[in-house]
C-alpha atoms as a PDB file:
ATOM      1  CA  MET A   1      10.293   1.653 -40.771  1.00  0.00           C
ATOM      2  CA  THR A   2       8.102  -1.595 -41.369  1.00  0.00           C
ATOM      3  CA  ALA A   3       4.358  -1.857 -41.419  1.00  0.00           C
ATOM      4  CA  VAL A   4       2.787  -2.071 -37.945  1.00  0.00           C
ATOM      5  CA  PRO A   5       0.706  -5.109 -37.567  1.00  0.00           C
ATOM      6  CA  THR A   6      -3.056  -4.732 -36.891  1.00  0.00           C
ATOM      7  CA  GLY A   7      -4.506  -5.371 -33.355  1.00  0.00           C
ATOM      8  CA  MET A   8      -2.926  -5.132 -29.959  1.00  0.00           C
ATOM      9  CA  PRO A   9      -0.236  -7.454 -28.644  1.00  0.00           C
ATOM     10  CA  SER A  10      -1.588  -9.831 -26.110  1.00  0.00           C
ATOM     11  CA  GLY A  11      -0.938  -9.352 -22.347  1.00  0.00           C
ATOM     12  CA  LEU A  12      -1.623  -5.534 -22.322  1.00  0.00           C
ATOM     13  CA  ASP A  13      -4.129  -4.058 -19.912  1.00  0.00           C
ATOM     14  CA  LEU A  14      -5.101  -1.077 -22.207  1.00  0.00           C
ATOM     15  CA  ALA A  15      -7.529   0.564 -19.907  1.00  0.00           C
ATOM     16  CA  THR A  16      -4.800   0.700 -17.203  1.00  0.00           C
ATOM     17  CA  LEU A  17      -2.181   1.995 -19.567  1.00  0.00           C
ATOM     18  CA  ARG A  18      -4.650   4.600 -21.090  1.00  0.00           C
ATOM     19  CA  ALA A  19      -5.472   5.713 -17.563  1.00  0.00           C
ATOM     20  CA  ARG A  20      -1.716   6.255 -16.804  1.00  0.00           C
ATOM     21  CA  LEU A  21      -1.169   8.126 -19.867  1.00  0.00           C
ATOM     22  CA  LEU A  22      -4.088  10.510 -19.300  1.00  0.00           C
ATOM     23  CA  ALA A  23      -2.994  10.985 -15.736  1.00  0.00           C
ATOM     24  CA  GLU A  24       0.517  11.838 -16.687  1.00  0.00           C
ATOM     25  CA  HIS A  25      -0.673  14.167 -19.289  1.00  0.00           C
ATOM     26  CA  ALA A  26      -2.863  16.046 -16.829  1.00  0.00           C
ATOM     27  CA  ALA A  27       0.024  16.192 -14.348  1.00  0.00           C
ATOM     28  CA  LEU A  28       2.384  17.556 -17.031  1.00  0.00           C
ATOM     29  CA  THR A  29      -0.214  20.071 -18.254  1.00  0.00           C
ATOM     30  CA  GLY A  30      -0.834  21.270 -14.750  1.00  0.00           C
ATOM     31  CA  ALA A  31       2.747  21.549 -13.941  1.00  0.00           C
ATOM     32  CA  SER A  32       3.317  23.625 -17.150  1.00  0.00           C
ATOM     33  CA  GLU A  33       0.392  25.965 -16.271  1.00  0.00           C
ATOM     34  CA  ALA A  34       1.540  26.327 -12.581  1.00  0.00           C
ATOM     35  CA  SER A  35       5.121  27.196 -13.527  1.00  0.00           C
ATOM     36  CA  ALA A  36       4.353  29.654 -16.315  1.00  0.00           C
ATOM     37  CA  ALA A  37       5.371  32.618 -14.344  1.00  0.00           C
ATOM     38  CA  THR A  38       8.797  31.220 -13.789  1.00  0.00           C
ATOM     39  CA  ARG A  39       9.366  31.399 -17.553  1.00  0.00           C
ATOM     40  CA  ASP A  40       8.475  35.044 -17.978  1.00  0.00           C
ATOM     41  CA  PRO A  41      11.349  37.431 -19.153  1.00  0.00           C
ATOM     42  CA  VAL A  42      13.599  38.689 -16.468  1.00  0.00           C
ATOM     43  CA  VAL A  43      13.392  42.386 -15.768  1.00  0.00           C
ATOM     44  CA  LEU A  44      16.835  43.812 -16.194  1.00  0.00           C
ATOM     45  CA  ASP A  45      16.133  47.094 -14.143  1.00  0.00           C
ATOM     46  CA  GLN A  46      19.127  47.845 -12.140  1.00  0.00           C
ATOM     47  CA  ALA A  47      16.982  49.958  -9.682  1.00  0.00           C
ATOM     48  CA  SER A  48      14.846  47.021  -8.770  1.00  0.00           C
ATOM     49  CA  LEU A  49      17.431  44.241  -8.672  1.00  0.00           C
ATOM     50  CA  GLY A  50      21.155  44.062  -8.205  1.00  0.00           C
ATOM     51  CA  ARG A  51      23.352  42.290 -10.646  1.00  0.00           C
ATOM     52  CA  LEU A  52      23.724  39.021  -8.744  1.00  0.00           C
ATOM     53  CA  SER A  53      19.909  38.900  -8.168  1.00  0.00           C
ATOM     54  CA  ARG A  54      19.280  39.466 -12.048  1.00  0.00           C
ATOM     55  CA  MET A  55      21.892  36.779 -12.880  1.00  0.00           C
ATOM     56  CA  ASN A  56      20.138  34.364 -10.373  1.00  0.00           C
ATOM     57  CA  ALA A  57      16.724  35.273 -11.882  1.00  0.00           C
ATOM     58  CA  MET A  58      18.056  34.627 -15.405  1.00  0.00           C
ATOM     59  CA  GLN A  59      19.454  31.239 -14.405  1.00  0.00           C
ATOM     60  CA  GLN A  60      16.147  30.292 -12.782  1.00  0.00           C
ATOM     61  CA  GLN A  61      14.480  31.362 -15.799  1.00  0.00           C
ATOM     62  CA  ALA A  62      16.739  29.268 -17.988  1.00  0.00           C
ATOM     63  CA  MET A  63      16.168  26.201 -15.920  1.00  0.00           C
ATOM     64  CA  ALA A  64      12.370  26.839 -16.101  1.00  0.00           C
ATOM     65  CA  LEU A  65      12.526  27.013 -19.812  1.00  0.00           C
ATOM     66  CA  ALA A  66      14.607  23.907 -20.092  1.00  0.00           C
ATOM     67  CA  THR A  67      12.115  22.015 -17.807  1.00  0.00           C
ATOM     68  CA  GLU A  68       9.240  23.252 -20.015  1.00  0.00           C
ATOM     69  CA  ARG A  69      10.991  21.812 -23.162  1.00  0.00           C
ATOM     70  CA  ARG A  70      11.367  18.554 -21.498  1.00  0.00           C
ATOM     71  CA  ARG A  71       7.615  18.688 -20.657  1.00  0.00           C
ATOM     72  CA  ILE A  72       6.672  19.588 -24.080  1.00  0.00           C
ATOM     73  CA  VAL A  73       8.589  16.450 -25.481  1.00  0.00           C
ATOM     74  CA  ALA A  74       6.944  14.162 -22.769  1.00  0.00           C
ATOM     75  CA  LEU A  75       3.493  15.452 -23.839  1.00  0.00           C
ATOM     76  CA  ALA A  76       4.088  14.785 -27.376  1.00  0.00           C
ATOM     77  CA  ARG A  77       5.204  11.230 -26.496  1.00  0.00           C
ATOM     78  CA  ILE A  78       2.183  10.788 -24.478  1.00  0.00           C
ATOM     79  CA  GLU A  79      -0.226  12.183 -27.173  1.00  0.00           C
ATOM     80  CA  ALA A  80       1.423   9.980 -29.749  1.00  0.00           C
ATOM     81  CA  ALA A  81       0.864   6.852 -27.421  1.00  0.00           C
ATOM     82  CA  LEU A  82      -2.808   7.825 -27.090  1.00  0.00           C
ATOM     83  CA  ALA A  83      -3.126   8.282 -30.763  1.00  0.00           C
ATOM     84  CA  ARG A  84      -1.694   4.836 -31.222  1.00  0.00           C
ATOM     85  CA  LEU A  85      -4.126   3.477 -28.710  1.00  0.00           C
ATOM     86  CA  ASP A  86      -7.107   4.981 -30.587  1.00  0.00           C
ATOM     87  CA  ALA A  87      -5.704   3.746 -33.911  1.00  0.00           C
ATOM     88  CA  GLY A  88      -5.217   0.094 -32.657  1.00  0.00           C
ATOM     89  CA  ASP A  89      -1.492   0.278 -33.220  1.00  0.00           C
ATOM     90  CA  TYR A  90      -0.400   0.505 -29.587  1.00  0.00           C
ATOM     91  CA  GLY A  91       2.046  -1.873 -28.193  1.00  0.00           C
ATOM     92  CA  TRP A  92       3.937  -2.358 -31.577  1.00  0.00           C
ATOM     93  CA  CYS A  93       7.348  -0.951 -32.092  1.00  0.00           C
ATOM     94  CA  THR A  94       7.336   2.099 -34.441  1.00  0.00           C
ATOM     95  CA  GLY A  95      10.786   1.132 -35.519  1.00  0.00           C
ATOM     96  CA  CYS A  96      10.524  -2.570 -36.446  1.00  0.00           C
ATOM     97  CA  GLY A  97       7.005  -3.301 -36.051  1.00  0.00           C
ATOM     98  CA  GLU A  98       7.504  -5.956 -33.380  1.00  0.00           C
ATOM     99  CA  ALA A  99       5.475  -6.329 -30.245  1.00  0.00           C
ATOM    100  CA  ILE A 100       6.899  -4.175 -27.334  1.00  0.00           C
ATOM    101  CA  SER A 101       7.254  -6.069 -24.123  1.00  0.00           C
ATOM    102  CA  PRO A 102       4.233  -5.538 -21.723  1.00  0.00           C
ATOM    103  CA  LYS A 103       6.884  -5.018 -19.021  1.00  0.00           C
ATOM    104  CA  ARG A 104       8.578  -2.279 -20.870  1.00  0.00           C
ATOM    105  CA  LEU A 105       5.156  -0.595 -21.444  1.00  0.00           C
ATOM    106  CA  ALA A 106       4.223  -1.039 -17.812  1.00  0.00           C
ATOM    107  CA  LEU A 107       7.479   0.898 -16.974  1.00  0.00           C
ATOM    108  CA  ASP A 108       6.746   3.682 -19.625  1.00  0.00           C
ATOM    109  CA  PRO A 109       3.344   3.478 -21.439  1.00  0.00           C
ATOM    110  CA  ALA A 110       4.545   6.221 -23.853  1.00  0.00           C
ATOM    111  CA  ILE A 111       7.427   4.274 -25.172  1.00  0.00           C
ATOM    112  CA  PRO A 112       7.292   3.868 -28.855  1.00  0.00           C
ATOM    113  CA  THR A 113      10.091   1.325 -29.545  1.00  0.00           C
ATOM    114  CA  CYS A 114      11.052  -2.122 -28.498  1.00  0.00           C
ATOM    115  CA  ILE A 115      14.237  -2.568 -26.545  1.00  0.00           C
ATOM    116  CA  ALA A 116      16.187  -3.794 -29.599  1.00  0.00           C
ATOM    117  CA  CYS A 117      15.351  -0.586 -31.512  1.00  0.00           C
ATOM    118  CA  ALA A 118      16.043   1.475 -28.509  1.00  0.00           C
ATOM    119  CA  GLU A 119      19.539   0.098 -28.326  1.00  0.00           C
ATOM    120  CA  GLY A 120      19.948   0.293 -31.965  1.00  0.00           C
ATOM    121  CA  THR A 121      20.458  -3.380 -32.397  1.00  0.00           C
ATOM    122  CA  ALA A 122      17.402  -4.100 -34.362  1.00  0.00           C
END
């Protein structure tokens, strides 16, 4: 990894990008809190649920856990992007140190790498 240049690349609307990152963070946090019950352990009491119902509940729980793991990764990416914004390093590739295209950041403000590094061609 090379040193990240100081300052922000030109052509970035930092206020809009920060607002999008914060809104996405709030949405993911809210979704996580709202779906907490779906990740609770499945009760394996045969008197209350039949075998197929338990299997269905276990499958739904597994899907909810997988979704929560993806949310955690997305939240970490957003928090890292906000930290780069606060540090003045936002907009620079964490792999090669080159500026990330404003169009790429507009598509995903939490993206940490330029397209060359993302493709593995840098």
